[in-house]
All heavy atoms as atom14 arrays in JSON, in Angstrom:
{
  "sequence": "RTALAPGKTPLEVELGLEKVIPDEFMLHAHHWLILHGRY",
  "atom14_mask": [
    [1, 1, 1, 1, 1, 1, 1, 1, 1, 1, 1, 0, 0, 0],
    [1, 1, 1, 1, 1, 1, 1, 0, 0, 0, 0, 0, 0, 0],
    [1, 1, 1, 1, 1, 0, 0, 0, 0, 0, 0, 0, 0, 0],
    [1, 1, 1, 1, 1, 1, 1, 1, 0, 0, 0, 0, 0, 0],
    [1, 1, 1, 1, 1, 0, 0, 0, 0, 0, 0, 0, 0, 0],
    [1, 1, 1, 1, 1, 1, 1, 0, 0, 0, 0, 0, 0, 0],
    [1, 1, 1, 1, 0, 0, 0, 0, 0, 0, 0, 0, 0, 0],
    [1, 1, 1, 1, 1, 1, 1, 1, 1, 0, 0, 0, 0, 0],
    [1, 1, 1, 1, 1, 1, 1, 0, 0, 0, 0, 0, 0, 0],
    [1, 1, 1, 1, 1, 1, 1, 0, 0, 0, 0, 0, 0, 0],
    [1, 1, 1, 1, 1, 1, 1, 1, 0, 0, 0, 0, 0, 0],
    [1, 1, 1, 1, 1, 1, 1, 1, 1, 0, 0, 0, 0, 0],
    [1, 1, 1, 1, 1, 1, 1, 0, 0, 0, 0, 0, 0, 0],
    [1, 1, 1, 1, 1, 1, 1, 1, 1, 0, 0, 0, 0, 0],
    [1, 1, 1, 1, 1, 1, 1, 1, 0, 0, 0, 0, 0, 0],
    [1, 1, 1, 1, 0, 0, 0, 0, 0, 0, 0, 0, 0, 0],
    [1, 1, 1, 1, 1, 1, 1, 1, 0, 0, 0, 0, 0, 0],
    [1, 1, 1, 1, 1, 1, 1, 1, 1, 0, 0, 0, 0, 0],
    [1, 1, 1, 1, 1, 1, 1, 1, 1, 0, 0, 0, 0, 0],
    [1, 1, 1, 1, 1, 1, 1, 0, 0, 0, 0, 0, 0, 0],
    [1, 1, 1, 1, 1, 1, 1, 1, 0, 0, 0, 0, 0, 0],
    [1, 1, 1, 1, 1, 1, 1, 0, 0, 0, 0, 0, 0, 0],
    [1, 1, 1, 1, 1, 1, 1, 1, 0, 0, 0, 0, 0, 0],
    [1, 1, 1, 1, 1, 1, 1, 1, 1, 0, 0, 0, 0, 0],
    [1, 1, 1, 1, 1, 1, 1, 1, 1, 1, 1, 0, 0, 0],
    [1, 1, 1, 1, 1, 1, 1, 1, 0, 0, 0, 0, 0, 0],
    [1, 1, 1, 1, 1, 1, 1, 1, 0, 0, 0, 0, 0, 0],
    [1, 1, 1, 1, 1, 1, 1, 1, 1, 1, 0, 0, 0, 0],
    [1, 1, 1, 1, 1, 0, 0, 0, 0, 0, 0, 0, 0, 0],
    [1, 1, 1, 1, 1, 1, 1, 1, 1, 1, 0, 0, 0, 0],
    [1, 1, 1, 1, 1, 1, 1, 1, 1, 1, 0, 0, 0, 0],
    [1, 1, 1, 1, 1, 1, 1, 1, 1, 1, 1, 1, 1, 1],
    [1, 1, 1, 1, 1, 1, 1, 1, 0, 0, 0, 0, 0, 0],
    [1, 1, 1, 1, 1, 1, 1, 1, 0, 0, 0, 0, 0, 0],
    [1, 1, 1, 1, 1, 1, 1, 1, 0, 0, 0, 0, 0, 0],
    [1, 1, 1, 1, 1, 1, 1, 1, 1, 1, 0, 0, 0, 0],
    [1, 1, 1, 1, 0, 0, 0, 0, 0, 0, 0, 0, 0, 0],
    [1, 1, 1, 1, 1, 1, 1, 1, 1, 1, 1, 0, 0, 0],
    [1, 1, 1, 1, 1, 1, 1, 1, 1, 1, 1, 1, 0, 0]
  ],
  "atom14_positions": [
    [[-4.58, -6.81, -5.96], [-4.74, -6.93, -7.44], [-3.46, -6.73, -8.21], [-3.14, -7.4, -9.16], [-5.83, -5.9, -7.91], [-6.13, -6.02, -9.4], [-7.21, -4.99, -9.77], [-8.57, -5.55, -9.47], [-9.65, -4.82, -9.55], [-9.59, -3.54, -9.84], [-10.85, -5.35, -9.32], [0.0, 0.0, 0.0], [0.0, 0.0, 0.0], [0.0, 0.0, 0.0]],
    [[-2.66, -5.71, -7.77], [-1.45, -5.44, -8.5], [-0.31, -6.4, -8.05], [0.7, -6.45, -8.69], [-0.95, -3.99, -8.18], [-0.68, -3.87, -6.77], [-1.98, -2.97, -8.57], [0.0, 0.0, 0.0], [0.0, 0.0, 0.0], [0.0, 0.0, 0.0], [0.0, 0.0, 0.0], [0.0, 0.0, 0.0], [0.0, 0.0, 0.0], [0.0, 0.0, 0.0]],
    [[-0.55, -7.13, -6.93], [0.47, -7.95, -6.31], [1.57, -7.18, -5.74], [2.63, -7.71, -5.4], [0.98, -8.98, -7.26], [0.0, 0.0, 0.0], [0.0, 0.0, 0.0], [0.0, 0.0, 0.0], [0.0, 0.0, 0.0], [0.0, 0.0, 0.0], [0.0, 0.0, 0.0], [0.0, 0.0, 0.0], [0.0, 0.0, 0.0], [0.0, 0.0, 0.0]],
    [[1.32, -5.89, -5.48], [2.34, -5.04, -4.81], [2.55, -5.5, -3.4], [3.67, -5.52, -2.89], [1.86, -3.56, -4.85], [2.88, -2.52, -4.32], [4.09, -2.49, -5.2], [2.17, -1.16, -4.39], [0.0, 0.0, 0.0], [0.0, 0.0, 0.0], [0.0, 0.0, 0.0], [0.0, 0.0, 0.0], [0.0, 0.0, 0.0], [0.0, 0.0, 0.0]],
    [[1.48, -5.87, -2.73], [1.57, -6.4, -1.39], [0.39, -7.27, -1.11], [-0.61, -6.85, -0.39], [1.6, -5.19, -0.32], [0.0, 0.0, 0.0], [0.0, 0.0, 0.0], [0.0, 0.0, 0.0], [0.0, 0.0, 0.0], [0.0, 0.0, 0.0], [0.0, 0.0, 0.0], [0.0, 0.0, 0.0], [0.0, 0.0, 0.0], [0.0, 0.0, 0.0]],
    [[0.35, -8.46, -1.65], [-0.83, -9.34, -1.4], [-0.96, -9.78, -0.01], [0.07, -10.01, 0.69], [-0.47, -10.48, -2.4], [0.99, -10.52, -2.53], [1.4, -9.07, -2.49], [0.0, 0.0, 0.0], [0.0, 0.0, 0.0], [0.0, 0.0, 0.0], [0.0, 0.0, 0.0], [0.0, 0.0, 0.0], [0.0, 0.0, 0.0], [0.0, 0.0, 0.0]],
    [[-2.15, -9.97, 0.44], [-2.39, -10.4, 1.83], [-3.85, -10.74, 2.0], [-4.73, -10.18, 1.36], [0.0, 0.0, 0.0], [0.0, 0.0, 0.0], [0.0, 0.0, 0.0], [0.0, 0.0, 0.0], [0.0, 0.0, 0.0], [0.0, 0.0, 0.0], [0.0, 0.0, 0.0], [0.0, 0.0, 0.0], [0.0, 0.0, 0.0], [0.0, 0.0, 0.0]],
    [[-4.13, -11.63, 2.9], [-5.49, -12.05, 3.21], [-6.22, -11.13, 4.15], [-7.41, -11.12, 4.27], [-5.5, -13.46, 3.82], [-4.98, -14.52, 2.83], [-5.05, -15.93, 3.5], [-4.55, -17.0, 2.51], [-4.58, -18.31, 3.07], [0.0, 0.0, 0.0], [0.0, 0.0, 0.0], [0.0, 0.0, 0.0], [0.0, 0.0, 0.0], [0.0, 0.0, 0.0]],
    [[-5.45, -10.31, 4.85], [-6.1, -9.39, 5.85], [-5.55, -7.97, 5.59], [-4.43, -7.84, 5.04], [-5.77, -9.8, 7.28], [-4.38, -9.67, 7.52], [-6.19, -11.24, 7.55], [0.0, 0.0, 0.0], [0.0, 0.0, 0.0], [0.0, 0.0, 0.0], [0.0, 0.0, 0.0], [0.0, 0.0, 0.0], [0.0, 0.0, 0.0], [0.0, 0.0, 0.0]],
    [[-6.26, -6.96, 6.07], [-5.71, -5.58, 5.93], [-4.35, -5.44, 6.62], [-3.49, -4.68, 6.13], [-6.81, -4.73, 6.67], [-8.03, -5.5, 6.42], [-7.61, -6.97, 6.56], [0.0, 0.0, 0.0], [0.0, 0.0, 0.0], [0.0, 0.0, 0.0], [0.0, 0.0, 0.0], [0.0, 0.0, 0.0], [0.0, 0.0, 0.0], [0.0, 0.0, 0.0]],
    [[-4.15, -6.07, 7.74], [-2.85, -5.99, 8.43], [-1.74, -6.56, 7.55], [-0.64, -5.97, 7.49], [-2.92, -6.7, 9.75], [-1.64, -6.62, 10.62], [-1.25, -5.19, 10.85], [-1.81, -7.4, 11.95], [0.0, 0.0, 0.0], [0.0, 0.0, 0.0], [0.0, 0.0, 0.0], [0.0, 0.0, 0.0], [0.0, 0.0, 0.0], [0.0, 0.0, 0.0]],
    [[-1.99, -7.72, 6.92], [-0.92, -8.28, 6.02], [-0.62, -7.32, 4.92], [0.56, -7.15, 4.54], [-1.43, -9.6, 5.43], [-1.41, -10.75, 6.44], [-1.82, -12.08, 5.76], [-1.8, -12.15, 4.52], [-2.12, -13.02, 6.5], [0.0, 0.0, 0.0], [0.0, 0.0, 0.0], [0.0, 0.0, 0.0], [0.0, 0.0, 0.0], [0.0, 0.0, 0.0]],
    [[-1.6, -6.71, 4.35], [-1.36, -5.74, 3.19], [-0.64, -4.53, 3.73], [0.34, -4.04, 3.16], [-2.7, -5.39, 2.56], [-2.46, -4.23, 1.54], [-3.34, -6.56, 1.85], [0.0, 0.0, 0.0], [0.0, 0.0, 0.0], [0.0, 0.0, 0.0], [0.0, 0.0, 0.0], [0.0, 0.0, 0.0], [0.0, 0.0, 0.0], [0.0, 0.0, 0.0]],
    [[-1.05, -4.03, 4.95], [-0.41, -2.87, 5.52], [1.1, -3.11, 5.73], [1.93, -2.34, 5.33], [-1.08, -2.54, 6.84], [-0.38, -1.47, 7.63], [-0.94, -1.31, 9.06], [-2.1, -1.65, 9.29], [-0.17, -0.79, 9.92], [0.0, 0.0, 0.0], [0.0, 0.0, 0.0], [0.0, 0.0, 0.0], [0.0, 0.0, 0.0], [0.0, 0.0, 0.0]],
    [[1.43, -4.26, 6.36], [2.82, -4.56, 6.63], [3.59, -4.81, 5.34], [4.76, -4.47, 5.26], [2.88, -5.78, 7.6], [2.21, -5.59, 8.97], [2.33, -6.87, 9.77], [2.88, -4.44, 9.7], [0.0, 0.0, 0.0], [0.0, 0.0, 0.0], [0.0, 0.0, 0.0], [0.0, 0.0, 0.0], [0.0, 0.0, 0.0], [0.0, 0.0, 0.0]],
    [[2.9, -5.4, 4.38], [3.61, -5.67, 3.07], [3.95, -4.35, 2.38], [5.01, -4.26, 1.81], [0.0, 0.0, 0.0], [0.0, 0.0, 0.0], [0.0, 0.0, 0.0], [0.0, 0.0, 0.0], [0.0, 0.0, 0.0], [0.0, 0.0, 0.0], [0.0, 0.0, 0.0], [0.0, 0.0, 0.0], [0.0, 0.0, 0.0], [0.0, 0.0, 0.0]],
    [[3.03, -3.42, 2.4], [3.25, -2.11, 1.73], [4.35, -1.37, 2.48], [5.22, -0.77, 1.84], [1.95, -1.31, 1.7], [0.92, -1.81, 0.73], [-0.47, -1.08, 0.98], [1.34, -1.66, -0.71], [0.0, 0.0, 0.0], [0.0, 0.0, 0.0], [0.0, 0.0, 0.0], [0.0, 0.0, 0.0], [0.0, 0.0, 0.0], [0.0, 0.0, 0.0]],
    [[4.33, -1.38, 3.79], [5.36, -0.67, 4.59], [6.74, -1.26, 4.22], [7.76, -0.53, 4.3], [5.06, -0.77, 6.06], [3.86, 0.09, 6.52], [3.61, 0.0, 7.97], [4.14, -0.95, 8.63], [2.94, 0.88, 8.52], [0.0, 0.0, 0.0], [0.0, 0.0, 0.0], [0.0, 0.0, 0.0], [0.0, 0.0, 0.0], [0.0, 0.0, 0.0]],
    [[6.74, -2.5, 3.97], [8.04, -3.19, 3.7], [8.63, -2.82, 2.37], [9.85, -2.7, 2.24], [7.85, -4.76, 3.74], [9.11, -5.48, 3.64], [8.82, -7.04, 3.75], [10.08, -7.82, 3.59], [9.81, -9.3, 3.75], [0.0, 0.0, 0.0], [0.0, 0.0, 0.0], [0.0, 0.0, 0.0], [0.0, 0.0, 0.0], [0.0, 0.0, 0.0]],
    [[7.78, -2.57, 1.32], [8.31, -2.36, 0.01], [8.35, -0.92, -0.42], [9.14, -0.55, -1.31], [7.46, -3.22, -1.05], [7.58, -4.68, -0.78], [6.05, -2.72, -1.14], [0.0, 0.0, 0.0], [0.0, 0.0, 0.0], [0.0, 0.0, 0.0], [0.0, 0.0, 0.0], [0.0, 0.0, 0.0], [0.0, 0.0, 0.0], [0.0, 0.0, 0.0]],
    [[7.52, -0.04, 0.14], [7.53, 1.37, -0.27], [8.65, 2.16, 0.33], [8.79, 2.14, 1.58], [6.17, 2.01, 0.13], [5.03, 1.28, -0.54], [6.14, 3.5, -0.28], [3.68, 1.76, -0.08], [0.0, 0.0, 0.0], [0.0, 0.0, 0.0], [0.0, 0.0, 0.0], [0.0, 0.0, 0.0], [0.0, 0.0, 0.0], [0.0, 0.0, 0.0]],
    [[9.49, 2.82, -0.48], [10.59, 3.61, 0.05], [10.06, 4.71, 1.0], [9.03, 5.26, 0.8], [11.16, 4.23, -1.21], [10.83, 3.29, -2.34], [9.46, 2.76, -1.96], [0.0, 0.0, 0.0], [0.0, 0.0, 0.0], [0.0, 0.0, 0.0], [0.0, 0.0, 0.0], [0.0, 0.0, 0.0], [0.0, 0.0, 0.0], [0.0, 0.0, 0.0]],
    [[10.83, 5.02, 1.99], [10.4, 5.94, 3.03], [10.01, 7.32, 2.47], [9.16, 8.03, 2.98], [11.52, 6.08, 4.05], [11.06, 6.86, 5.29], [10.13, 6.4, 6.0], [11.58, 8.0, 5.49], [0.0, 0.0, 0.0], [0.0, 0.0, 0.0], [0.0, 0.0, 0.0], [0.0, 0.0, 0.0], [0.0, 0.0, 0.0], [0.0, 0.0, 0.0]],
    [[10.72, 7.74, 1.41], [10.42, 9.06, 0.85], [9.01, 9.26, 0.32], [8.53, 10.35, 0.16], [11.47, 9.36, -0.27], [11.23, 8.56, -1.52], [12.24, 8.94, -2.64], [11.95, 9.96, -3.35], [13.24, 8.23, -2.81], [0.0, 0.0, 0.0], [0.0, 0.0, 0.0], [0.0, 0.0, 0.0], [0.0, 0.0, 0.0], [0.0, 0.0, 0.0]],
    [[8.34, 8.11, 0.08], [6.98, 8.15, -0.45], [5.87, 7.89, 0.65], [4.72, 8.05, 0.37], [6.84, 7.14, -1.57], [7.69, 7.37, -2.74], [8.74, 6.48, -3.03], [7.46, 8.41, -3.61], [9.61, 6.72, -4.08], [8.33, 8.62, -4.68], [9.32, 7.75, -4.98], [0.0, 0.0, 0.0], [0.0, 0.0, 0.0], [0.0, 0.0, 0.0]],
    [[6.32, 7.46, 1.86], [5.34, 6.96, 2.79], [4.39, 8.05, 3.36], [3.27, 7.69, 3.75], [6.12, 6.27, 3.95], [6.53, 4.86, 3.68], [5.09, 3.77, 3.33], [4.26, 3.82, 4.9], [0.0, 0.0, 0.0], [0.0, 0.0, 0.0], [0.0, 0.0, 0.0], [0.0, 0.0, 0.0], [0.0, 0.0, 0.0], [0.0, 0.0, 0.0]],
    [[4.79, 9.27, 3.39], [3.88, 10.26, 3.92], [2.53, 10.32, 3.1], [1.45, 10.44, 3.67], [4.52, 11.68, 3.91], [3.61, 12.84, 4.42], [3.25, 12.56, 5.88], [4.35, 14.16, 4.32], [0.0, 0.0, 0.0], [0.0, 0.0, 0.0], [0.0, 0.0, 0.0], [0.0, 0.0, 0.0], [0.0, 0.0, 0.0], [0.0, 0.0, 0.0]],
    [[2.66, 10.2, 1.79], [1.51, 10.3, 0.93], [1.06, 8.96, 0.33], [0.08, 8.93, -0.39], [1.75, 11.29, -0.22], [2.0, 12.71, 0.27], [1.17, 13.33, 1.13], [3.0, 13.58, -0.06], [1.6, 14.58, 1.36], [2.73, 14.71, 0.63], [0.0, 0.0, 0.0], [0.0, 0.0, 0.0], [0.0, 0.0, 0.0], [0.0, 0.0, 0.0]],
    [[1.82, 7.91, 0.6], [1.54, 6.63, -0.07], [0.13, 6.13, 0.1], [-0.55, 5.71, -0.9], [2.51, 5.57, 0.42], [0.0, 0.0, 0.0], [0.0, 0.0, 0.0], [0.0, 0.0, 0.0], [0.0, 0.0, 0.0], [0.0, 0.0, 0.0], [0.0, 0.0, 0.0], [0.0, 0.0, 0.0], [0.0, 0.0, 0.0], [0.0, 0.0, 0.0]],
    [[-0.45, 6.19, 1.27], [-1.79, 5.65, 1.45], [-2.84, 6.51, 0.7], [-3.83, 5.98, 0.16], [-2.16, 5.41, 2.92], [-2.99, 6.48, 3.58], [-2.36, 7.55, 4.24], [-4.32, 6.66, 3.69], [-3.32, 8.3, 4.75], [-4.5, 7.8, 4.44], [0.0, 0.0, 0.0], [0.0, 0.0, 0.0], [0.0, 0.0, 0.0], [0.0, 0.0, 0.0]],
    [[-2.6, 7.84, 0.57], [-3.53, 8.62, -0.18], [-3.46, 8.34, -1.72], [-4.5, 8.22, -2.32], [-3.19, 10.08, 0.03], [-3.72, 10.65, 1.35], [-2.91, 11.36, 2.15], [-4.93, 10.55, 1.93], [-3.57, 11.72, 3.26], [-4.83, 11.23, 3.15], [0.0, 0.0, 0.0], [0.0, 0.0, 0.0], [0.0, 0.0, 0.0], [0.0, 0.0, 0.0]],
    [[-2.29, 8.13, -2.17], [-2.09, 7.76, -3.63], [-2.89, 6.46, -3.88], [-3.53, 6.32, -4.89], [-0.65, 7.67, -3.97], [0.04, 8.97, -4.14], [-0.48, 10.12, -4.72], [1.35, 9.31, -3.78], [0.44, 11.1, -4.74], [1.63, 10.68, -4.12], [2.36, 8.57, -3.11], [2.78, 11.32, -3.9], [3.59, 9.27, -2.88], [3.78, 10.62, -3.22]],
    [[-2.72, 5.51, -3.04], [-3.3, 4.17, -3.22], [-4.82, 4.24, -3.08], [-5.54, 3.56, -3.84], [-2.69, 3.14, -2.25], [-1.23, 2.81, -2.54], [-0.69, 1.95, -1.41], [-1.06, 2.16, -3.87], [0.0, 0.0, 0.0], [0.0, 0.0, 0.0], [0.0, 0.0, 0.0], [0.0, 0.0, 0.0], [0.0, 0.0, 0.0], [0.0, 0.0, 0.0]],
    [[-5.3, 5.01, -2.07], [-6.75, 5.13, -1.93], [-7.36, 5.79, -3.14], [-8.36, 5.29, -3.67], [-7.08, 5.99, -0.66], [-6.79, 5.17, 0.6], [-8.53, 6.46, -0.71], [-6.91, 5.99, 1.9], [0.0, 0.0, 0.0], [0.0, 0.0, 0.0], [0.0, 0.0, 0.0], [0.0, 0.0, 0.0], [0.0, 0.0, 0.0], [0.0, 0.0, 0.0]],
    [[-6.79, 6.86, -3.6], [-7.3, 7.58, -4.79], [-7.22, 6.72, -6.02], [-8.15, 6.75, -6.86], [-6.57, 8.91, -4.98], [-6.76, 9.94, -3.83], [-5.83, 11.13, -4.07], [-8.18, 10.38, -3.74], [0.0, 0.0, 0.0], [0.0, 0.0, 0.0], [0.0, 0.0, 0.0], [0.0, 0.0, 0.0], [0.0, 0.0, 0.0], [0.0, 0.0, 0.0]],
    [[-6.17, 5.94, -6.1], [-5.98, 5.04, -7.3], [-7.12, 3.98, -7.27], [-7.72, 3.71, -8.31], [-4.63, 4.38, -7.23], [-4.29, 3.57, -8.51], [-4.22, 4.11, -9.74], [-4.17, 2.23, -8.64], [-3.92, 3.2, -10.6], [-3.96, 2.06, -9.98], [0.0, 0.0, 0.0], [0.0, 0.0, 0.0], [0.0, 0.0, 0.0], [0.0, 0.0, 0.0]],
    [[-7.4, 3.44, -6.11], [-8.47, 2.44, -5.99], [-9.87, 3.02, -6.21], [-10.77, 2.37, -6.69], [0.0, 0.0, 0.0], [0.0, 0.0, 0.0], [0.0, 0.0, 0.0], [0.0, 0.0, 0.0], [0.0, 0.0, 0.0], [0.0, 0.0, 0.0], [0.0, 0.0, 0.0], [0.0, 0.0, 0.0], [0.0, 0.0, 0.0], [0.0, 0.0, 0.0]],
    [[-10.01, 4.24, -5.72], [-11.34, 4.88, -5.77], [-11.71, 5.32, -7.16], [-12.9, 5.26, -7.54], [-11.34, 6.08, -4.82], [-12.72, 6.78, -4.66], [-12.68, 7.83, -3.58], [-12.64, 7.17, -2.23], [-12.28, 7.8, -1.13], [-11.97, 9.09, -1.17], [-12.32, 7.18, 0.0], [0.0, 0.0, 0.0], [0.0, 0.0, 0.0], [0.0, 0.0, 0.0]],
    [[-10.73, 5.77, -7.96], [-11.1, 6.42, -9.25], [-10.53, 5.68, -10.45], [-10.97, 5.93, -11.57], [-10.58, 7.88, -9.24], [-11.24, 8.73, -8.17], [-10.55, 9.17, -7.08], [-12.55, 9.02, -8.27], [-11.14, 10.0, -6.12], [-13.22, 9.78, -7.31], [-12.52, 10.29, -6.24], [-13.16, 10.99, -5.27], [0.0, 0.0, 0.0], [0.0, 0.0, 0.0]]
  ]
}
């Protein structure tokens, strides 16, 4: 939706996010995105 990492499959989105998110944020990145989508 945000076009941060568009993809047709979860794997495409996963690899796209890993490519663009700086390493310093990666430990918590999936939690931030899950909570953002959930709430």
